[in-house]
């Protein structure tokens, strides 16, 4: 996105670095799906406008050419090229198409990981899952659902629960240490 703005700096491409630095980096822990959708739609809009400008009917109209030269002189970001198949036109849309491809890959990855529609606070952490399993096993043992277990199996289950509790404590301390480092 920033590379697109560096190569073809204009008002239309300035949206990308501004959205990244003024919004996306400030949203904790990651930008929401609405931000990614908006950037995706904006990129598609830019590509459609760039293709519409190069329709032969419009390109042959003198008043349209005059309007497009004024727009290009003000650095809005739309340039009328000699041909729809020219190298300049290809380079003009190449980075926008690349942004579109990477945005679609990003959306796919967020959906496949299950964080597309969830916030980071809604996702269960490792030590929360560990505590949930420990509580479930404790309740299960108290209710006597493990009547088929022998004493040695019950002792092994208790040792396993104690090990999980200690691992949970280690994970909790580790996460506290990470947050302390982030704060510093």
C-alpha atoms as a PDB file:
ATOM      1  CA  UNK A   1       0.000   0.000   0.000  1.00  0.00           C
ATOM      2  CA  UNK A   2       2.797   2.367   0.857  1.00  0.00           C
ATOM      3  CA  UNK A   3       4.747   1.289  -2.220  1.00  0.00           C
ATOM      4  CA  UNK A   4       1.751   2.163  -4.384  1.00  0.00           C
ATOM      5  CA  UNK A   5       1.703   5.646  -2.911  1.00  0.00           C
ATOM      6  CA  UNK A   6       5.464   6.033  -3.309  1.00  0.00           C
ATOM      7  CA  UNK A   7       5.372   5.127  -6.990  1.00  0.00           C
ATOM      8  CA  UNK A   8       2.197   6.942  -8.016  1.00  0.00           C
ATOM      9  CA  UNK A   9       1.712   9.620  -5.377  1.00  0.00           C
ATOM     10  CA  UNK A  10      -1.689  11.251  -5.643  1.00  0.00           C
ATOM     11  CA  UNK A  11      -4.698  12.144  -3.542  1.00  0.00           C
ATOM     12  CA  UNK A  12      -6.395   8.854  -4.324  1.00  0.00           C
ATOM     13  CA  UNK A  13      -3.434   6.720  -3.256  1.00  0.00           C
ATOM     14  CA  UNK A  14      -2.723   8.810  -0.152  1.00  0.00           C
ATOM     15  CA  UNK A  15      -5.655   7.025   1.471  1.00  0.00           C
ATOM     16  CA  UNK A  16      -3.591   3.857   1.907  1.00  0.00           C
ATOM     17  CA  UNK A  17      -0.714   5.171   4.058  1.00  0.00           C
ATOM     18  CA  UNK A  18      -3.056   7.471   5.981  1.00  0.00           C
ATOM     19  CA  UNK A  19      -5.392   4.600   6.801  1.00  0.00           C
ATOM     20  CA  UNK A  20      -2.484   2.402   7.838  1.00  0.00           C
ATOM     21  CA  UNK A  21      -0.706   4.903  10.064  1.00  0.00           C
ATOM     22  CA  UNK A  22      -3.696   6.832  11.403  1.00  0.00           C
ATOM     23  CA  UNK A  23      -6.077   3.958  12.028  1.00  0.00           C
ATOM     24  CA  UNK A  24      -4.887   0.398  11.438  1.00  0.00           C
ATOM     25  CA  UNK A  25      -1.735   0.571  13.562  1.00  0.00           C
ATOM     26  CA  UNK A  26      -3.591   2.249  16.403  1.00  0.00           C
ATOM     27  CA  UNK A  27      -6.391  -0.292  16.656  1.00  0.00           C
ATOM     28  CA  UNK A  28      -5.528  -2.940  19.230  1.00  0.00           C
ATOM     29  CA  UNK A  29      -4.815  -5.863  18.657  1.00  0.00           C
ATOM     30  CA  UNK A  30      -5.671  -5.812  14.948  1.00  0.00           C
ATOM     31  CA  UNK A  31      -7.939  -3.819  12.664  1.00  0.00           C
ATOM     32  CA  UNK A  32     -11.523  -4.979  12.496  1.00  0.00           C
ATOM     33  CA  UNK A  33     -13.096  -6.692   9.518  1.00  0.00           C
ATOM     34  CA  UNK A  34     -14.872  -3.443   8.629  1.00  0.00           C
ATOM     35  CA  UNK A  35     -11.549  -1.716   8.049  1.00  0.00           C
ATOM     36  CA  UNK A  36     -10.374  -4.498   5.738  1.00  0.00           C
ATOM     37  CA  UNK A  37     -13.683  -4.489   3.875  1.00  0.00           C
ATOM     38  CA  UNK A  38     -13.541  -0.729   3.413  1.00  0.00           C
ATOM     39  CA  UNK A  39      -9.964  -0.848   2.066  1.00  0.00           C
ATOM     40  CA  UNK A  40     -10.937  -3.710  -0.238  1.00  0.00           C
ATOM     41  CA  UNK A  41     -13.935  -1.817  -1.615  1.00  0.00           C
ATOM     42  CA  UNK A  42     -11.862   1.332  -2.023  1.00  0.00           C
ATOM     43  CA  UNK A  43      -9.236  -0.569  -4.002  1.00  0.00           C
ATOM     44  CA  UNK A  44     -11.882  -2.139  -6.233  1.00  0.00           C
ATOM     45  CA  UNK A  45     -13.409   1.313  -6.756  1.00  0.00           C
ATOM     46  CA  UNK A  46     -10.020   2.706  -7.834  1.00  0.00           C
ATOM     47  CA  UNK A  47      -9.468  -0.126 -10.284  1.00  0.00           C
ATOM     48  CA  UNK A  48     -12.938   0.224 -11.784  1.00  0.00           C
ATOM     49  CA  UNK A  49     -12.517   3.986 -12.225  1.00  0.00           C
ATOM     50  CA  UNK A  50      -9.112   3.507 -13.872  1.00  0.00           C
ATOM     51  CA  UNK A  51     -10.567   0.991 -16.295  1.00  0.00           C
ATOM     52  CA  UNK A  52     -13.654   3.108 -17.045  1.00  0.00           C
ATOM     53  CA  UNK A  53     -11.479   6.090 -17.921  1.00  0.00           C
ATOM     54  CA  UNK A  54      -9.766   4.020 -20.620  1.00  0.00           C
ATOM     55  CA  UNK A  55     -12.934   2.982 -22.457  1.00  0.00           C
ATOM     56  CA  UNK A  56     -12.437   3.891 -26.113  1.00  0.00           C
ATOM     57  CA  UNK A  57     -15.679   5.887 -26.381  1.00  0.00           C
ATOM     58  CA  UNK A  58     -14.624   8.191 -23.557  1.00  0.00           C
ATOM     59  CA  UNK A  59     -11.018   8.481 -24.681  1.00  0.00           C
ATOM     60  CA  UNK A  60     -12.013   9.804 -28.121  1.00  0.00           C
ATOM     61  CA  UNK A  61     -14.101  12.640 -26.676  1.00  0.00           C
ATOM     62  CA  UNK A  62     -12.163  15.952 -26.625  1.00  0.00           C
ATOM     63  CA  UNK A  63     -13.995  17.422 -23.623  1.00  0.00           C
ATOM     64  CA  UNK A  64     -13.226  14.251 -21.635  1.00  0.00           C
ATOM     65  CA  UNK A  65      -9.528  14.525 -22.530  1.00  0.00           C
ATOM     66  CA  UNK A  66      -9.507  18.132 -21.369  1.00  0.00           C
ATOM     67  CA  UNK A  67     -11.138  17.224 -18.056  1.00  0.00           C
ATOM     68  CA  UNK A  68      -8.694  14.369 -17.528  1.00  0.00           C
ATOM     69  CA  UNK A  69      -5.657  16.580 -18.138  1.00  0.00           C
ATOM     70  CA  UNK A  70      -6.957  19.058 -15.550  1.00  0.00           C
ATOM     71  CA  UNK A  71      -7.517  16.235 -13.077  1.00  0.00           C
ATOM     72  CA  UNK A  72      -4.035  14.857 -13.727  1.00  0.00           C
ATOM     73  CA  UNK A  73      -2.470  18.313 -13.327  1.00  0.00           C
ATOM     74  CA  UNK A  74      -4.009  18.584  -9.856  1.00  0.00           C
ATOM     75  CA  UNK A  75      -2.494  15.202  -8.909  1.00  0.00           C
ATOM     76  CA  UNK A  76      -5.807  13.599  -8.052  1.00  0.00           C
ATOM     77  CA  UNK A  77      -4.521  10.331  -9.430  1.00  0.00           C
ATOM     78  CA  UNK A  78      -6.274   9.600 -12.698  1.00  0.00           C
ATOM     79  CA  UNK A  79      -4.127   9.742 -15.804  1.00  0.00           C
ATOM     80  CA  UNK A  80      -5.317   9.166 -19.335  1.00  0.00           C
ATOM     81  CA  UNK A  81      -2.773   7.016 -21.162  1.00  0.00           C
ATOM     82  CA  UNK A  82      -2.206   6.729 -24.906  1.00  0.00           C
ATOM     83  CA  UNK A  83      -3.624   3.246 -25.095  1.00  0.00           C
ATOM     84  CA  UNK A  84      -5.434   0.796 -22.840  1.00  0.00           C
ATOM     85  CA  UNK A  85      -2.683  -1.699 -23.601  1.00  0.00           C
ATOM     86  CA  UNK A  86       0.294   0.553 -22.933  1.00  0.00           C
ATOM     87  CA  UNK A  87       3.057  -0.150 -20.444  1.00  0.00           C
ATOM     88  CA  UNK A  88       2.179   2.994 -18.449  1.00  0.00           C
ATOM     89  CA  UNK A  89      -1.408   1.860 -17.998  1.00  0.00           C
ATOM     90  CA  UNK A  90      -0.256  -1.559 -16.865  1.00  0.00           C
ATOM     91  CA  UNK A  91       2.106  -0.033 -14.307  1.00  0.00           C
ATOM     92  CA  UNK A  92      -0.650   2.339 -13.176  1.00  0.00           C
ATOM     93  CA  UNK A  93      -2.979  -0.517 -12.251  1.00  0.00           C
ATOM     94  CA  UNK A  94      -0.356  -3.100 -11.279  1.00  0.00           C
ATOM     95  CA  UNK A  95       0.114  -1.957  -7.674  1.00  0.00           C
ATOM     96  CA  UNK A  96      -3.608  -1.485  -7.136  1.00  0.00           C
ATOM     97  CA  UNK A  97      -4.209  -5.021  -8.386  1.00  0.00           C
ATOM     98  CA  UNK A  98      -1.408  -6.255  -6.120  1.00  0.00           C
ATOM     99  CA  UNK A  99      -3.051  -4.542  -3.149  1.00  0.00           C
ATOM    100  CA  UNK A 100      -6.335  -6.198  -4.070  1.00  0.00           C
ATOM    101  CA  UNK A 101      -4.715  -9.635  -4.193  1.00  0.00           C
ATOM    102  CA  UNK A 102      -3.001  -9.188  -0.826  1.00  0.00           C
ATOM    103  CA  UNK A 103      -6.205  -7.911   0.762  1.00  0.00           C
ATOM    104  CA  UNK A 104      -8.054 -10.988  -0.443  1.00  0.00           C
ATOM    105  CA  UNK A 105      -5.285 -13.237   0.924  1.00  0.00           C
ATOM    106  CA  UNK A 106      -5.464 -11.380   4.246  1.00  0.00           C
ATOM    107  CA  UNK A 107      -9.239 -11.851   4.406  1.00  0.00           C
ATOM    108  CA  UNK A 108      -8.852 -15.556   3.654  1.00  0.00           C
ATOM    109  CA  UNK A 109      -6.245 -15.985   6.398  1.00  0.00           C
ATOM    110  CA  UNK A 110      -8.354 -14.144   8.972  1.00  0.00           C
ATOM    111  CA  UNK A 111     -11.415 -16.243   8.139  1.00  0.00           C
ATOM    112  CA  UNK A 112      -9.466 -19.522   8.171  1.00  0.00           C
ATOM    113  CA  UNK A 113      -7.948 -18.729  11.581  1.00  0.00           C
ATOM    114  CA  UNK A 114     -11.348 -17.833  12.999  1.00  0.00           C
ATOM    115  CA  UNK A 115     -10.548 -14.236  13.920  1.00  0.00           C
ATOM    116  CA  UNK A 116     -12.426 -12.499  11.102  1.00  0.00           C
ATOM    117  CA  UNK A 117     -15.520 -11.780  13.168  1.00  0.00           C
ATOM    118  CA  UNK A 118     -14.050 -12.009  16.667  1.00  0.00           C
ATOM    119  CA  UNK A 119     -12.087  -9.573  18.756  1.00  0.00           C
ATOM    120  CA  UNK A 120      -8.918 -10.681  20.542  1.00  0.00           C
ATOM    121  CA  UNK A 121     -10.662 -10.358  23.901  1.00  0.00           C
ATOM    122  CA  UNK A 122     -13.355 -12.852  22.824  1.00  0.00           C
ATOM    123  CA  UNK A 123     -10.863 -15.595  21.991  1.00  0.00           C
ATOM    124  CA  UNK A 124      -9.959 -17.942  24.825  1.00  0.00           C
ATOM    125  CA  UNK A 125      -6.290 -17.878  25.791  1.00  0.00           C
ATOM    126  CA  UNK A 126      -4.223 -20.983  26.500  1.00  0.00           C
ATOM    127  CA  UNK A 127      -4.249 -20.647  30.265  1.00  0.00           C
ATOM    128  CA  UNK A 128      -8.014 -19.960  30.278  1.00  0.00           C
ATOM    129  CA  UNK A 129      -8.548 -23.164  28.299  1.00  0.00           C
ATOM    130  CA  UNK A 130      -6.262 -25.002  30.724  1.00  0.00           C
ATOM    131  CA  UNK A 131      -8.241 -23.721  33.718  1.00  0.00           C
ATOM    132  CA  UNK A 132     -11.520 -24.688  32.034  1.00  0.00           C
ATOM    133  CA  UNK A 133     -10.249 -28.250  31.488  1.00  0.00           C
ATOM    134  CA  UNK A 134      -9.008 -28.463  35.090  1.00  0.00           C
ATOM    135  CA  UNK A 135     -12.355 -27.288  36.478  1.00  0.00           C
ATOM    136  CA  UNK A 136     -14.213 -29.699  34.211  1.00  0.00           C
ATOM    137  CA  UNK A 137     -12.059 -32.606  35.429  1.00  0.00           C
ATOM    138  CA  UNK A 138     -12.455 -31.575  39.072  1.00  0.00           C
ATOM    139  CA  UNK A 139     -16.233 -31.395  38.740  1.00  0.00           C
ATOM    140  CA  UNK A 140     -16.226 -34.710  36.903  1.00  0.00           C
ATOM    141  CA  UNK A 141     -14.200 -36.333  39.703  1.00  0.00           C
ATOM    142  CA  UNK A 142     -16.407 -34.835  42.441  1.00  0.00           C
ATOM    143  CA  UNK A 143     -19.595 -36.099  40.835  1.00  0.00           C
ATOM    144  CA  UNK A 144     -18.152 -39.588  40.765  1.00  0.00           C
ATOM    145  CA  UNK A 145     -18.442 -40.115  37.054  1.00  0.00           C
ATOM    146  CA  UNK A 146     -15.071 -41.823  37.103  1.00  0.00           C
ATOM    147  CA  UNK A 147     -16.263 -44.818  39.173  1.00  0.00           C
ATOM    148  CA  UNK A 148     -14.594 -47.179  36.734  1.00  0.00           C
ATOM    149  CA  UNK A 149     -11.173 -45.728  37.593  1.00  0.00           C
ATOM    150  CA  UNK A 150      -8.987 -47.538  40.056  1.00  0.00           C
ATOM    151  CA  UNK A 151      -7.127 -45.739  42.809  1.00  0.00           C
ATOM    152  CA  UNK A 152      -3.950 -45.596  40.775  1.00  0.00           C
ATOM    153  CA  UNK A 153      -5.799 -44.023  37.851  1.00  0.00           C
ATOM    154  CA  UNK A 154      -7.361 -41.436  40.172  1.00  0.00           C
ATOM    155  CA  UNK A 155      -3.930 -40.630  41.576  1.00  0.00           C
ATOM    156  CA  UNK A 156      -2.587 -40.228  38.041  1.00  0.00           C
ATOM    157  CA  UNK A 157      -5.507 -37.931  37.233  1.00  0.00           C
ATOM    158  CA  UNK A 158      -4.750 -35.824  40.324  1.00  0.00           C
ATOM    159  CA  UNK A 159      -1.071 -35.609  39.346  1.00  0.00           C
ATOM    160  CA  UNK A 160      -2.088 -34.629  35.815  1.00  0.00           C
ATOM    161  CA  UNK A 161      -4.386 -31.920  37.205  1.00  0.00           C
ATOM    162  CA  UNK A 162      -1.591 -30.591  39.416  1.00  0.00           C
ATOM    163  CA  UNK A 163       0.794 -30.505  36.454  1.00  0.00           C
ATOM    164  CA  UNK A 164      -1.771 -28.633  34.377  1.00  0.00           C
ATOM    165  CA  UNK A 165      -2.286 -26.136  37.196  1.00  0.00           C
ATOM    166  CA  UNK A 166       1.453 -25.538  37.417  1.00  0.00           C
ATOM    167  CA  UNK A 167       1.686 -25.135  33.620  1.00  0.00           C
ATOM    168  CA  UNK A 168      -1.235 -22.733  33.762  1.00  0.00           C
ATOM    169  CA  UNK A 169       0.562 -20.703  36.437  1.00  0.00           C
ATOM    170  CA  UNK A 170       3.733 -20.638  34.334  1.00  0.00           C
ATOM    171  CA  UNK A 171       1.763 -19.461  31.294  1.00  0.00           C
ATOM    172  CA  UNK A 172       0.039 -16.781  33.345  1.00  0.00           C
ATOM    173  CA  UNK A 173       3.384 -15.509  34.678  1.00  0.00           C
ATOM    174  CA  UNK A 174       4.815 -15.580  31.152  1.00  0.00           C
ATOM    175  CA  UNK A 175       1.895 -13.535  29.803  1.00  0.00           C
ATOM    176  CA  UNK A 176       2.257 -11.024  32.639  1.00  0.00           C
ATOM    177  CA  UNK A 177       5.941 -10.704  31.772  1.00  0.00           C
ATOM    178  CA  UNK A 178       5.075 -10.126  28.104  1.00  0.00           C
ATOM    179  CA  UNK A 179       2.566  -7.417  28.974  1.00  0.00           C
ATOM    180  CA  UNK A 180       5.102  -5.773  31.270  1.00  0.00           C
ATOM    181  CA  UNK A 181       7.591  -5.726  28.392  1.00  0.00           C
ATOM    182  CA  UNK A 182       4.996  -4.247  26.052  1.00  0.00           C
ATOM    183  CA  UNK A 183       4.194  -1.526  28.573  1.00  0.00           C
ATOM    184  CA  UNK A 184       7.881  -0.647  28.909  1.00  0.00           C
END
